[in-house]
Amino acid sequence: MTDWDTDELSAIEEADELHIAPRRKNGTLRAPTTIWVVRDGDDLYVRSMLGAGSHWFNGTRARHEGHIEAGGVDRDVSFVDETDPGVNARIGDAYRGKYHRFGPQYVDPMVAPAARGATIRLEPR
């Protein structure tokens, strides 16, 4: 069960960009990175376009927690790896639907196998 409220979910869903700052092992936040975010039901997801090789994605591995800002929402979050193929397929569809206006050169990498392997559910803390 999530504790995102409806207003937070809607605001983040409507935002084109999300700023994500993973927490380092020593507890400090990394500099925020601007990425895309999608919603699936009552859950929010982000993906690394570059897969597991992305600097920000690797930063999420240290403590599996950090901070996000999007659509006026400012929250500490936990990062939960999403490995369910069905959920990952829906996330790919959500990226295509939300960001299609940016063109296939940006959207196609977000639905490629490498990106699917770097999908994170954001859980509020």
Protein backbone atom coordinates (compact mmCIF):
# COMPACT_ATOMS: atom_id res chain seq x y z
CA MET A 1 0.00 0.00 0.00
CA THR A 2 1.33 3.38 -0.97
CA ASP A 3 1.08 6.59 0.93
CA TRP A 4 1.27 8.91 -2.07
CA ASP A 5 -1.80 11.07 -1.85
CA THR A 6 -3.93 11.73 -4.92
CA ASP A 7 -2.70 15.31 -5.31
CA GLU A 8 0.96 14.21 -5.21
CA LEU A 9 0.39 11.45 -7.74
CA SER A 10 -1.43 13.79 -10.10
CA ALA A 11 1.14 16.58 -9.78
CA ILE A 12 4.09 14.25 -10.43
CA GLU A 13 2.27 12.49 -13.26
CA GLU A 14 1.60 15.82 -14.98
CA ALA A 15 5.20 17.02 -14.60
CA ASP A 16 7.44 16.43 -17.61
CA GLU A 17 10.56 16.15 -15.47
CA LEU A 18 11.57 14.88 -12.07
CA HIS A 19 14.71 15.81 -10.16
CA ILE A 20 16.20 12.79 -8.41
CA ALA A 21 18.96 12.92 -5.80
CA PRO A 22 20.13 9.54 -4.48
CA ARG A 23 21.49 9.42 -0.93
CA ARG A 24 25.16 8.50 -0.55
CA LYS A 25 26.42 5.92 1.94
CA ASN A 26 27.37 8.78 4.29
CA GLY A 27 23.77 10.07 4.22
CA THR A 28 24.28 13.17 2.10
CA LEU A 29 22.36 13.69 -1.12
CA ARG A 30 24.01 13.62 -4.53
CA ALA A 31 23.39 16.54 -6.86
CA PRO A 32 19.95 16.13 -8.46
CA THR A 33 19.62 14.73 -11.98
CA THR A 34 16.69 15.60 -14.22
CA ILE A 35 14.86 12.53 -15.55
CA TRP A 36 11.43 11.45 -16.78
CA VAL A 37 8.78 9.90 -14.54
CA VAL A 38 5.62 7.89 -15.26
CA ARG A 39 2.68 6.69 -13.24
CA ASP A 40 1.11 3.23 -13.19
CA GLY A 41 -1.96 3.17 -10.96
CA ASP A 42 -0.89 4.45 -7.55
CA ASP A 43 2.82 3.93 -8.24
CA LEU A 44 5.49 6.17 -9.76
CA TYR A 45 8.40 4.87 -11.80
CA VAL A 46 11.66 6.15 -13.23
CA ARG A 47 14.08 4.49 -15.63
CA SER A 48 17.62 5.04 -16.65
CA MET A 49 17.84 5.67 -20.39
CA LEU A 50 21.40 4.32 -20.27
CA GLY A 51 20.51 1.28 -18.21
CA ALA A 52 22.51 0.26 -15.17
CA GLY A 53 25.54 2.23 -16.39
CA SER A 54 23.96 5.58 -15.62
CA HIS A 55 25.62 7.66 -12.90
CA TRP A 56 22.35 8.58 -11.16
CA PHE A 57 21.07 4.99 -11.33
CA ASN A 58 24.29 3.67 -9.78
CA GLY A 59 23.82 6.25 -7.03
CA THR A 60 20.50 4.65 -6.10
CA ARG A 61 22.34 1.44 -5.26
CA ALA A 62 24.22 2.92 -2.26
CA ARG A 63 21.26 3.19 0.14
CA HIS A 64 18.16 2.71 -2.01
CA GLU A 65 16.86 6.05 -0.82
CA GLY A 66 17.00 9.66 -1.80
CA HIS A 67 14.93 12.72 -2.61
CA ILE A 68 12.72 13.76 -5.52
CA GLU A 69 11.11 16.98 -6.69
CA ALA A 70 8.48 17.22 -9.44
CA GLY A 71 5.32 19.18 -10.05
CA GLY A 72 5.68 21.06 -6.77
CA VAL A 73 6.07 17.82 -4.78
CA ASP A 74 9.22 17.57 -2.66
CA ARG A 75 9.65 14.14 -0.98
CA ASP A 76 12.13 11.71 0.46
CA VAL A 77 11.71 8.34 -1.24
CA SER A 78 12.93 4.77 -1.25
CA PHE A 79 14.07 3.19 -4.52
CA VAL A 80 12.64 -0.26 -5.21
CA ASP A 81 13.84 -2.23 -8.24
CA GLU A 82 10.99 -3.29 -10.50
CA THR A 83 11.60 -6.67 -12.12
CA ASP A 84 8.07 -7.84 -12.95
CA PRO A 85 7.85 -8.21 -16.76
CA GLY A 86 4.17 -7.24 -16.84
CA VAL A 87 4.74 -4.08 -14.84
CA ASN A 88 7.78 -3.24 -16.96
CA ALA A 89 5.70 -3.60 -20.14
CA ARG A 90 3.11 -1.17 -18.73
CA ILE A 91 5.86 1.25 -17.76
CA GLY A 92 7.19 1.14 -21.32
CA ASP A 93 3.70 1.92 -22.63
CA ALA A 94 3.42 4.78 -20.14
CA TYR A 95 6.73 6.27 -21.36
CA ARG A 96 5.57 6.01 -24.98
CA GLY A 97 2.24 7.63 -24.17
CA LYS A 98 3.53 10.47 -22.02
CA TYR A 99 6.69 11.40 -23.91
CA HIS A 100 5.88 10.53 -27.56
CA ARG A 101 6.03 14.21 -28.53
CA PHE A 102 9.79 14.22 -27.92
CA GLY A 103 10.33 11.71 -30.72
CA PRO A 104 11.63 8.17 -31.02
CA GLN A 105 15.27 9.19 -30.58
CA TYR A 106 14.45 9.88 -26.90
CA VAL A 107 11.55 7.54 -26.22
CA ASP A 108 12.90 4.35 -27.84
CA PRO A 109 15.88 4.13 -25.44
CA MET A 110 13.44 4.40 -22.51
CA VAL A 111 11.66 1.22 -23.60
CA ALA A 112 14.75 -0.73 -24.66
CA PRO A 113 15.86 -3.83 -22.70
CA ALA A 114 18.70 -1.96 -20.97
CA ALA A 115 16.27 0.64 -19.62
CA ARG A 116 13.74 -2.01 -18.56
CA GLY A 117 16.52 -3.51 -16.43
CA ALA A 118 16.97 -0.16 -14.69
CA THR A 119 13.37 0.53 -13.64
CA ILE A 120 12.75 1.87 -10.15
CA ARG A 121 9.50 2.31 -8.24
CA LEU A 122 9.51 5.41 -6.06
CA GLU A 123 8.06 4.83 -2.60
CA PRO A 124 7.45 7.84 -0.37
CA ARG A 125 9.22 7.88 3.00
